[in-house]
Protein backbone atom coordinates (compact mmCIF):
# COMPACT_ATOMS: atom_id res chain seq x y z
CA UNK A 1 0.00 0.00 0.00
CA UNK A 2 1.37 3.45 -0.85
CA UNK A 3 2.44 5.38 2.24
CA UNK A 4 1.56 8.85 0.84
CA UNK A 5 4.12 10.54 3.10
CA UNK A 6 5.84 12.29 0.19
CA UNK A 7 2.46 13.62 -0.89
CA UNK A 8 1.74 14.74 2.68
CA UNK A 9 5.05 16.62 2.84
CA UNK A 10 4.20 18.31 -0.45
CA UNK A 11 0.76 19.26 0.87
CA UNK A 12 2.46 21.03 3.78
CA UNK A 13 4.67 22.95 1.37
CA UNK A 14 1.56 23.95 -0.58
CA UNK A 15 -0.16 25.05 2.62
CA UNK A 16 2.88 27.12 3.63
CA UNK A 17 2.71 28.99 0.31
CA UNK A 18 -1.04 29.52 0.63
CA UNK A 19 -0.71 30.73 4.22
CA UNK A 20 1.83 33.37 3.21
CA UNK A 21 -0.47 34.65 0.46
CA UNK A 22 -3.66 34.71 2.54
CA UNK A 23 -2.13 36.22 5.67
CA UNK A 24 -0.50 38.96 3.58
CA UNK A 25 -3.96 40.22 2.55
CA UNK A 26 -5.94 39.37 5.71
CA UNK A 27 -7.56 42.56 7.07
CA UNK A 28 -6.11 44.59 4.18
CA UNK A 29 -8.13 47.78 3.75
CA UNK A 30 -7.86 47.56 -0.05
CA UNK A 31 -8.80 43.87 -0.34
CA UNK A 32 -10.79 43.33 -3.53
CA UNK A 33 -13.95 41.21 -3.14
CA UNK A 34 -16.29 40.09 -5.93
CA UNK A 35 -19.59 38.20 -5.95
CA UNK A 36 -19.66 34.91 -7.85
CA UNK A 37 -22.69 33.71 -9.87
CA UNK A 38 -23.84 31.63 -6.88
CA UNK A 39 -23.89 34.86 -4.86
CA UNK A 40 -20.98 33.85 -2.61
CA UNK A 41 -17.98 36.16 -2.19
CA UNK A 42 -14.51 35.59 -3.61
CA UNK A 43 -11.51 37.72 -2.73
CA UNK A 44 -8.28 38.39 -4.58
CA UNK A 45 -6.61 36.28 -1.86
CA UNK A 46 -8.74 33.22 -2.77
CA UNK A 47 -7.59 33.48 -6.37
CA UNK A 48 -3.96 34.19 -5.54
CA UNK A 49 -3.71 31.27 -3.11
CA UNK A 50 -5.22 28.81 -5.58
CA UNK A 51 -2.95 30.04 -8.38
CA UNK A 52 0.08 29.56 -6.12
CA UNK A 53 -0.93 26.01 -5.19
CA UNK A 54 -1.65 25.12 -8.81
CA UNK A 55 1.74 26.49 -9.87
CA UNK A 56 3.55 24.37 -7.27
CA UNK A 57 1.62 21.27 -8.30
CA UNK A 58 2.35 21.84 -11.98
CA UNK A 59 6.05 21.70 -11.16
CA UNK A 60 6.01 18.98 -8.50
CA UNK A 61 3.21 16.67 -9.74
CA UNK A 62 2.69 17.48 -13.44
CA UNK A 63 0.84 14.21 -14.11
CA UNK A 64 -1.76 14.78 -11.38
CA UNK A 65 -5.11 16.46 -12.00
CA UNK A 66 -6.18 19.50 -9.97
CA UNK A 67 -9.66 20.57 -8.90
CA UNK A 68 -10.02 23.95 -7.22
CA UNK A 69 -12.98 26.04 -6.12
CA UNK A 70 -11.99 29.10 -8.13
CA UNK A 71 -10.57 27.63 -11.36
CA UNK A 72 -12.25 24.24 -11.78
CA UNK A 73 -10.65 21.01 -12.92
CA UNK A 74 -7.49 20.61 -14.97
CA UNK A 75 -6.03 17.30 -16.11
CA UNK A 76 -7.15 13.70 -15.82
CA UNK A 77 -5.91 10.49 -14.27
CA UNK A 78 -6.16 8.42 -11.10
CA UNK A 79 -4.76 11.13 -8.78
CA UNK A 80 -6.46 14.47 -8.19
CA UNK A 81 -5.53 17.31 -5.85
CA UNK A 82 -8.55 19.16 -4.47
CA UNK A 83 -8.13 22.74 -3.23
CA UNK A 84 -10.28 25.20 -1.35
CA UNK A 85 -7.98 28.24 -1.17
CA UNK A 86 -10.01 29.91 1.61
CA UNK A 87 -12.72 27.93 3.35
CA UNK A 88 -14.60 30.64 5.23
CA UNK A 89 -14.27 33.53 2.77
CA UNK A 90 -17.10 35.43 4.47
CA UNK A 91 -15.11 35.33 7.70
CA UNK A 92 -11.93 36.27 5.87
CA UNK A 93 -13.37 39.39 4.27
CA UNK A 94 -14.84 40.56 7.59
CA UNK A 95 -11.61 40.05 9.55
CA UNK A 96 -12.83 36.98 11.48
CA UNK A 97 -9.84 34.61 11.92
CA UNK A 98 -11.83 31.39 11.40
CA UNK A 99 -10.85 30.41 7.85
CA UNK A 100 -8.48 27.85 6.36
CA UNK A 101 -6.87 26.54 3.22
CA UNK A 102 -7.97 22.98 2.50
CA UNK A 103 -5.70 20.74 0.41
CA UNK A 104 -6.41 17.09 -0.33
CA UNK A 105 -5.09 14.39 -2.62
CA UNK A 106 -7.73 11.97 -3.88
CA UNK A 107 -7.08 8.69 -5.64
CA UNK A 108 -9.35 6.63 -7.86
CA UNK A 109 -10.60 3.47 -6.20
CA UNK A 110 -13.70 1.47 -5.46
CA UNK A 111 -16.65 3.83 -5.26
CA UNK A 112 -14.81 6.61 -7.09
CA UNK A 113 -12.14 9.03 -5.90
CA UNK A 114 -11.32 8.87 -2.19
CA UNK A 115 -9.13 11.23 -0.12
CA UNK A 116 -5.75 9.79 0.85
CA UNK A 117 -4.04 12.99 2.10
CA UNK A 118 -5.52 16.06 3.70
CA UNK A 119 -4.15 19.29 5.18
CA UNK A 120 -6.29 21.95 6.85
CA UNK A 121 -4.28 25.09 7.57
CA UNK A 122 -5.75 27.99 9.56
CA UNK A 123 -2.89 30.48 9.87
CA UNK A 124 -4.89 33.25 11.56
CA UNK A 125 -5.69 30.77 14.35
CA UNK A 126 -2.12 29.45 14.38
CA UNK A 127 -3.44 25.93 13.81
CA UNK A 128 -2.90 23.16 11.25
CA UNK A 129 -4.34 19.64 11.03
CA UNK A 130 -3.41 16.83 8.64
CA UNK A 131 -3.73 13.15 7.83
CA UNK A 132 -2.59 10.49 5.38
CA UNK A 133 -4.32 7.18 4.80
CA UNK A 134 -3.08 4.57 7.25
CA UNK A 135 -0.91 7.02 9.20
CA UNK A 136 -3.40 8.68 11.54
CA UNK A 137 -4.34 12.34 11.98
CA UNK A 138 -2.25 15.04 13.63
CA UNK A 139 -2.28 18.68 14.63
CA UNK A 140 0.60 21.05 15.24
CA UNK A 141 2.82 23.64 13.63
CA UNK A 142 4.83 21.22 11.49
CA UNK A 143 5.33 17.54 10.68
CA UNK A 144 8.06 17.35 13.32
CA UNK A 145 6.06 19.18 15.99
CA UNK A 146 2.67 17.51 16.20
CA UNK A 147 0.29 15.58 18.41
CA UNK A 148 -1.86 12.69 17.25
CA UNK A 149 -5.62 13.23 17.12
CA UNK A 150 -8.25 10.93 18.53
CA UNK A 151 -12.03 11.38 18.52
CA UNK A 152 -13.96 11.36 21.79
CA UNK A 153 -15.53 8.32 23.46
CA UNK A 154 -18.79 10.09 24.35
CA UNK A 155 -21.51 7.51 23.78
CA UNK A 156 -24.69 9.32 24.87
CA UNK A 157 -26.34 12.20 23.05
CA UNK A 158 -27.17 13.78 26.41
CA UNK A 159 -23.40 14.14 27.00
CA UNK A 160 -22.53 15.23 23.46
CA UNK A 161 -21.43 18.56 21.99
CA UNK A 162 -22.93 19.28 18.54
CA UNK A 163 -21.51 21.89 16.14
CA UNK A 164 -23.12 23.35 13.03
CA UNK A 165 -22.82 26.35 10.70
CA UNK A 166 -26.25 27.97 10.42
CA UNK A 167 -29.98 27.26 10.50
CA UNK A 168 -31.02 28.50 7.05
CA UNK A 169 -29.77 25.53 5.03
CA UNK A 170 -31.57 23.02 7.23
CA UNK A 171 -34.79 24.95 6.82
CA UNK A 172 -34.41 25.16 3.03
CA UNK A 173 -34.05 21.36 2.86
CA UNK A 174 -37.00 20.64 5.12
CA UNK A 175 -34.72 19.16 7.79
CA UNK A 176 -35.08 21.92 10.39
CA UNK A 177 -37.47 20.04 12.68
CA UNK A 178 -35.15 17.06 12.99
CA UNK A 179 -32.18 19.39 13.44
CA UNK A 180 -33.92 21.25 16.27
CA UNK A 181 -34.95 17.97 17.91
CA UNK A 182 -31.29 16.95 17.90
CA UNK A 183 -30.22 20.25 19.51
CA UNK A 184 -32.69 19.57 22.33
CA UNK A 185 -31.23 16.13 22.99
CA UNK A 186 -27.53 17.01 23.16
CA UNK A 187 -25.62 18.53 26.05
CA UNK A 188 -24.32 21.54 24.13
CA UNK A 189 -24.59 23.23 20.73
CA UNK A 190 -22.32 25.80 19.11
CA UNK A 191 -22.29 27.30 15.60
CA UNK A 192 -18.56 27.36 14.84
CA UNK A 193 -18.96 26.87 11.09
CA UNK A 194 -16.87 25.87 8.08
CA UNK A 195 -13.86 23.57 8.58
CA UNK A 196 -13.46 24.08 12.34
CA UNK A 197 -16.13 21.76 13.79
CA UNK A 198 -14.76 18.83 11.77
CA UNK A 199 -11.31 19.46 13.22
CA UNK A 200 -12.87 19.62 16.70
CA UNK A 201 -14.51 16.24 16.09
CA UNK A 202 -11.08 14.87 15.12
CA UNK A 203 -9.55 16.40 18.26
CA UNK A 204 -12.29 15.01 20.49
CA UNK A 205 -13.45 18.43 21.74
CA UNK A 206 -16.73 18.18 19.78
CA UNK A 207 -18.61 14.91 19.30
CA UNK A 208 -20.73 15.51 16.18
CA UNK A 209 -21.29 18.09 13.46
CA UNK A 210 -23.16 18.38 10.19
CA UNK A 211 -23.83 20.72 7.27
CA UNK A 212 -26.70 20.47 4.76
CA UNK A 213 -24.97 21.72 1.60
CA UNK A 214 -21.29 21.49 0.67
CA UNK A 215 -18.96 21.03 -2.31
CA UNK A 216 -16.24 18.40 -2.67
CA UNK A 217 -13.47 20.92 -1.96
CA UNK A 218 -15.16 21.78 1.36
CA UNK A 219 -14.98 18.17 2.51
CA UNK A 220 -12.12 16.18 0.96
CA UNK A 221 -9.42 17.31 3.40
CA UNK A 222 -11.66 17.36 6.48
CA UNK A 223 -13.03 13.89 5.72
CA UNK A 224 -9.69 12.11 5.92
CA UNK A 225 -8.64 14.00 9.05
CA UNK A 226 -11.84 12.91 10.81
CA UNK A 227 -11.64 9.28 9.68
CA UNK A 228 -7.92 8.90 10.42
CA UNK A 229 -8.65 10.23 13.92
CA UNK A 230 -11.05 7.31 14.35
CA UNK A 231 -14.30 9.10 13.52
CA UNK A 232 -17.04 8.73 10.92
CA UNK A 233 -17.55 11.08 7.96
CA UNK A 234 -20.50 10.52 5.64
CA UNK A 235 -23.17 12.35 3.73
CA UNK A 236 -26.57 12.80 5.33
CA UNK A 237 -27.54 9.75 3.27
CA UNK A 238 -24.97 7.67 5.17
CA UNK A 239 -22.62 7.26 2.21
CA UNK A 240 -19.02 7.27 3.46
CA UNK A 241 -16.72 10.04 2.26
CA UNK A 242 -17.15 13.52 0.80
CA UNK A 243 -19.44 12.74 -2.15
CA UNK A 244 -23.01 13.45 -1.05
CA UNK A 245 -23.14 17.25 -1.30
CA UNK A 246 -23.49 17.50 2.48
CA UNK A 247 -21.74 16.12 5.53
CA UNK A 248 -22.19 14.47 8.90
CA UNK A 249 -19.17 13.79 11.09
CA UNK A 250 -18.95 12.21 14.50
CA UNK A 251 -16.86 10.15 16.86
CA UNK A 252 -18.55 7.11 15.29
CA UNK A 253 -20.40 6.08 18.44
CA UNK A 254 -23.16 8.65 17.83
CA UNK A 255 -23.28 8.56 14.03
CA UNK A 256 -26.44 6.55 13.51
CA UNK A 257 -28.32 8.77 15.97
CA UNK A 258 -26.99 11.90 14.25
CA UNK A 259 -28.22 10.71 10.85
CA UNK A 260 -31.50 9.56 12.34
CA UNK A 261 -32.38 12.98 13.68
CA UNK A 262 -31.31 14.85 10.55
CA UNK A 263 -33.37 12.53 8.33
CA UNK A 264 -36.33 11.80 10.60
CA UNK A 265 -38.82 14.21 9.03
CA UNK A 266 -37.15 14.66 5.67
């Protein structure tokens, strides 16, 4: 089985380059922000970070395909790098430090492409998380200065902490009643949003989280970090991995109950 450690080291180099670009423009008074056709914002920093990562990959892995949020897919083959240059752009443009660059390598296999490497780098928080298939998940400032991640062992919803992004998406999908029922059953709820609750699940500080609408680049890196930390990452339909257009992540012990509530009146 491939060990993917060379790819993981490269992903850290890519994240270092992206961090430098995004931090350079974070809170800049002259930051340029546009509105995309789907009515979501994109900043000049999103575009610059993705261009940097693509340039590095073109030199280091010219045979690999690349899929990015801002510039689409380029290339074909059994290996594909997936990039979200700034996950949390709305936070970024308002000066909120909760945003990250997400970088994943996916490989073709049974059931389609699956993530084998993931790096989630949040430089404004001073945090980075990563994983490679079969090697576990870690957090720290570098490969040589890291601690291994492990999901929690909380086994009762009444003891669980549940994280989410917002209420509007659940309402639009007709899942709000089940969502609210779940919030009444758990010990604690917090709306952290974007990449962060998935990293908290991997760290064991949050027990479950979910989002009703996501793209592949929002999930590929977070999915492997959660699963390599011993957790479960599926769509709301229960399909493992980042392919369902939405996500549910947990410590594994509470996953069936999480899906049950979010689908109970759907």
